[in-house]
């Protein structure tokens, strides 16, 4: 397969300022994802989409990153739009059309090479259009997740009452670690979820996504 790995790393971050360049085990956070991707032989090319000059200087490989347009650098921009932009630029630069896109999130540094390879294997074996990584949810909308709606508190899923978490339907949390698409599916503008969508389940200890200082402290503890 002709596989492109995209790594999206904008400079702005409201939850944790400059988090893509924060030090983790004596190296910037983005380098954990970049070095992992470089170590996976099935990945043909890597492209980093960034508006950060610090990241551009850090990577130092001119054909590995593209400067992200300002209009794609806001915190409300769909990440899929950013990935598509990165794919288009990589294909033009490398004169190739990729058939599979793997996106690895910078803020999930505990994911392993095996996680990526196993998720890719499942994606190919099941012939999915797309696949993303998840972990078992610690809260369940059928049992202990509530919302404020119509001036009252109610369960998010209130159509059926379950007496315990153990008997409620199994649910997962997207862990923002691994996303895989067939190129055609990525560019189709279809919803993320379909009957051709798969999941790869990761353990909780490798599923922390760094959004704030508490997340960072937990990841640092787990990575020691």
Protein backbone atom coordinates (compact mmCIF):
# COMPACT_ATOMS: atom_id res chain seq x y z
CA UNK A 1 0.00 0.00 0.00
CA UNK A 2 1.01 3.59 -0.59
CA UNK A 3 0.55 4.94 2.94
CA UNK A 4 0.90 8.58 3.98
CA UNK A 5 1.11 9.51 7.64
CA UNK A 6 -0.21 12.95 8.57
CA UNK A 7 0.75 14.73 11.78
CA UNK A 8 -1.21 17.89 12.55
CA UNK A 9 0.47 20.35 14.92
CA UNK A 10 -0.73 23.94 15.03
CA UNK A 11 0.90 26.49 17.30
CA UNK A 12 -2.18 27.70 19.17
CA UNK A 13 -3.52 25.79 22.17
CA UNK A 14 -5.93 27.14 24.75
CA UNK A 15 -5.82 24.22 27.19
CA UNK A 16 -2.03 23.94 27.44
CA UNK A 17 0.03 26.65 25.77
CA UNK A 18 2.59 25.39 23.26
CA UNK A 19 1.80 21.78 24.13
CA UNK A 20 3.23 20.29 20.91
CA UNK A 21 6.70 21.47 21.97
CA UNK A 22 6.44 20.60 25.68
CA UNK A 23 9.27 18.36 26.88
CA UNK A 24 8.44 14.71 27.58
CA UNK A 25 11.34 12.41 28.44
CA UNK A 26 13.86 15.02 27.26
CA UNK A 27 12.34 15.61 23.84
CA UNK A 28 9.53 17.80 22.45
CA UNK A 29 6.14 16.12 22.45
CA UNK A 30 5.84 16.16 18.65
CA UNK A 31 9.06 14.18 18.27
CA UNK A 32 7.52 11.14 19.98
CA UNK A 33 4.91 10.88 17.21
CA UNK A 34 7.31 11.82 14.40
CA UNK A 35 9.91 9.26 15.45
CA UNK A 36 7.24 6.57 15.85
CA UNK A 37 6.00 7.20 12.30
CA UNK A 38 9.56 7.09 10.94
CA UNK A 39 10.02 3.70 12.62
CA UNK A 40 7.05 2.11 10.81
CA UNK A 41 8.29 0.72 7.50
CA UNK A 42 4.79 0.35 6.07
CA UNK A 43 4.47 4.15 6.07
CA UNK A 44 5.85 5.46 2.79
CA UNK A 45 5.86 9.19 3.55
CA UNK A 46 5.21 11.52 6.47
CA UNK A 47 3.78 15.01 6.28
CA UNK A 48 3.49 17.48 9.15
CA UNK A 49 0.90 20.25 8.84
CA UNK A 50 1.93 23.16 11.04
CA UNK A 51 1.85 26.94 11.33
CA UNK A 52 4.63 26.88 13.95
CA UNK A 53 8.11 28.06 12.95
CA UNK A 54 9.52 26.29 16.02
CA UNK A 55 8.18 22.96 14.75
CA UNK A 56 9.39 23.66 11.22
CA UNK A 57 12.90 24.37 12.54
CA UNK A 58 12.81 21.35 14.83
CA UNK A 59 11.90 18.83 12.12
CA UNK A 60 14.37 20.39 9.72
CA UNK A 61 13.38 18.20 6.76
CA UNK A 62 12.00 20.43 4.04
CA UNK A 63 9.95 17.76 2.29
CA UNK A 64 8.39 16.50 5.54
CA UNK A 65 6.31 19.51 6.61
CA UNK A 66 4.06 22.07 4.99
CA UNK A 67 3.12 25.44 6.36
CA UNK A 68 -0.55 25.37 7.22
CA UNK A 69 -2.72 28.16 5.82
CA UNK A 70 -3.89 30.68 8.39
CA UNK A 71 -7.54 29.88 7.59
CA UNK A 72 -6.88 26.26 8.66
CA UNK A 73 -5.10 27.18 11.90
CA UNK A 74 -8.04 28.16 14.10
CA UNK A 75 -9.27 26.05 17.00
CA UNK A 76 -12.71 25.55 15.40
CA UNK A 77 -11.46 24.18 12.09
CA UNK A 78 -12.33 20.56 11.30
CA UNK A 79 -9.24 18.40 11.57
CA UNK A 80 -10.38 16.45 8.51
CA UNK A 81 -10.05 19.62 6.43
CA UNK A 82 -6.49 20.02 7.70
CA UNK A 83 -5.65 16.40 6.87
CA UNK A 84 -7.07 16.70 3.36
CA UNK A 85 -5.01 19.85 2.83
CA UNK A 86 -1.88 18.02 4.00
CA UNK A 87 -2.60 15.06 1.70
CA UNK A 88 -3.10 17.34 -1.31
CA UNK A 89 0.21 19.12 -0.65
CA UNK A 90 2.12 15.89 -0.06
CA UNK A 91 0.76 14.33 -3.24
CA UNK A 92 1.73 17.38 -5.27
CA UNK A 93 5.20 17.51 -3.72
CA UNK A 94 5.91 13.79 -4.03
CA UNK A 95 4.07 13.27 -7.35
CA UNK A 96 2.05 10.34 -6.03
CA UNK A 97 -1.54 9.46 -5.15
CA UNK A 98 -1.72 7.68 -1.80
CA UNK A 99 -4.35 5.02 -1.17
CA UNK A 100 -4.25 4.98 2.64
CA UNK A 101 -3.93 7.83 5.12
CA UNK A 102 -2.90 7.36 8.77
CA UNK A 103 -3.24 10.34 11.08
CA UNK A 104 -1.34 10.21 14.37
CA UNK A 105 -2.21 12.79 17.01
CA UNK A 106 0.73 14.56 18.66
CA UNK A 107 -1.00 14.66 22.04
CA UNK A 108 -1.21 10.85 22.36
CA UNK A 109 2.44 9.88 22.91
CA UNK A 110 1.79 6.62 24.79
CA UNK A 111 0.54 4.80 21.70
CA UNK A 112 2.98 2.15 20.46
CA UNK A 113 4.24 0.92 17.11
CA UNK A 114 2.24 -2.27 17.70
CA UNK A 115 -0.94 -0.22 18.18
CA UNK A 116 -0.45 1.40 14.79
CA UNK A 117 0.42 -1.84 13.01
CA UNK A 118 -2.42 -3.80 14.63
CA UNK A 119 -4.96 -1.12 13.78
CA UNK A 120 -3.70 -1.02 10.18
CA UNK A 121 -3.91 -4.81 9.98
CA UNK A 122 -7.52 -4.77 11.18
CA UNK A 123 -8.34 -1.94 8.77
CA UNK A 124 -7.02 -3.97 5.82
CA UNK A 125 -8.40 -7.35 6.90
CA UNK A 126 -11.93 -6.02 7.45
CA UNK A 127 -11.78 -3.79 4.36
CA UNK A 128 -12.99 -0.76 6.31
CA UNK A 129 -13.35 2.68 4.75
CA UNK A 130 -12.04 4.20 7.96
CA UNK A 131 -10.96 3.15 11.44
CA UNK A 132 -10.16 5.01 14.62
CA UNK A 133 -8.77 4.05 18.02
CA UNK A 134 -10.85 3.97 21.18
CA UNK A 135 -10.65 2.86 24.79
CA UNK A 136 -13.28 1.45 27.13
CA UNK A 137 -15.30 4.39 28.46
CA UNK A 138 -15.09 5.22 32.16
CA UNK A 139 -18.56 6.83 32.02
CA UNK A 140 -21.63 5.38 30.36
CA UNK A 141 -24.42 7.53 28.86
CA UNK A 142 -26.89 4.71 29.59
CA UNK A 143 -26.07 4.70 33.29
CA UNK A 144 -24.05 7.57 34.80
CA UNK A 145 -23.75 10.43 32.28
CA UNK A 146 -26.32 13.21 32.69
CA UNK A 147 -27.24 16.37 30.80
CA UNK A 148 -29.16 19.53 31.55
CA UNK A 149 -32.00 19.70 29.06
CA UNK A 150 -35.43 21.37 29.13
CA UNK A 151 -34.60 22.83 32.56
CA UNK A 152 -34.00 19.45 34.16
CA UNK A 153 -31.26 16.88 34.67
CA UNK A 154 -31.64 13.54 32.93
CA UNK A 155 -29.54 10.67 31.66
CA UNK A 156 -28.00 11.24 28.24
CA UNK A 157 -29.57 7.95 27.16
CA UNK A 158 -32.79 7.89 29.12
CA UNK A 159 -35.04 5.65 27.01
CA UNK A 160 -34.13 2.55 29.04
CA UNK A 161 -33.14 2.38 32.71
CA UNK A 162 -30.30 0.07 33.73
CA UNK A 163 -29.73 -0.93 37.34
CA UNK A 164 -25.92 -1.05 37.09
CA UNK A 165 -23.04 -0.15 34.81
CA UNK A 166 -22.31 -3.85 34.26
CA UNK A 167 -25.63 -4.49 32.49
CA UNK A 168 -25.65 -1.27 30.44
CA UNK A 169 -24.52 -1.44 26.77
CA UNK A 170 -20.75 -1.34 26.31
CA UNK A 171 -19.53 2.03 25.09
CA UNK A 172 -16.12 3.38 24.08
CA UNK A 173 -14.34 6.72 24.19
CA UNK A 174 -12.48 8.00 21.15
CA UNK A 175 -8.93 8.47 22.41
CA UNK A 176 -7.62 10.81 19.67
CA UNK A 177 -4.65 8.57 18.90
CA UNK A 178 -4.96 6.73 15.55
CA UNK A 179 -7.17 7.46 12.54
CA UNK A 180 -6.98 5.53 9.26
CA UNK A 181 -8.82 6.21 6.00
CA UNK A 182 -8.96 4.94 2.51
CA UNK A 183 -8.15 8.03 0.49
CA UNK A 184 -11.48 7.82 -1.35
CA UNK A 185 -13.39 7.75 1.93
CA UNK A 186 -11.43 10.68 3.38
CA UNK A 187 -12.16 12.86 0.35
CA UNK A 188 -15.81 11.76 0.03
CA UNK A 189 -17.18 14.28 2.57
CA UNK A 190 -19.22 11.48 4.15
CA UNK A 191 -19.84 11.23 7.93
CA UNK A 192 -17.08 9.74 10.08
CA UNK A 193 -19.34 6.86 11.14
CA UNK A 194 -20.77 4.34 8.67
CA UNK A 195 -21.27 0.58 8.34
CA UNK A 196 -17.72 0.50 6.92
CA UNK A 197 -16.17 2.12 10.00
CA UNK A 198 -14.04 0.09 12.39
CA UNK A 199 -12.51 0.64 15.82
CA UNK A 200 -9.26 -0.46 17.40
CA UNK A 201 -9.47 -0.80 21.19
CA UNK A 202 -6.47 0.42 23.18
CA UNK A 203 -5.94 0.00 26.94
CA UNK A 204 -6.54 3.01 29.16
CA UNK A 205 -2.87 3.33 30.11
CA UNK A 206 -1.98 4.09 26.47
CA UNK A 207 -5.03 6.21 25.70
CA UNK A 208 -4.35 9.49 27.49
CA UNK A 209 -4.76 12.54 25.27
CA UNK A 210 -2.91 15.61 26.56
CA UNK A 211 -5.37 18.50 26.72
CA UNK A 212 -4.37 20.14 29.99
CA UNK A 213 -1.75 20.13 32.75
CA UNK A 214 -3.36 17.21 34.61
CA UNK A 215 -3.21 15.06 31.47
CA UNK A 216 0.44 16.00 31.01
CA UNK A 217 1.30 15.02 34.60
CA UNK A 218 -0.41 11.65 34.16
CA UNK A 219 1.40 10.97 30.87
CA UNK A 220 4.73 11.89 32.43
CA UNK A 221 4.11 9.45 35.27
CA UNK A 222 3.09 6.65 32.93
CA UNK A 223 6.02 7.20 30.58
CA UNK A 224 8.68 6.90 33.31
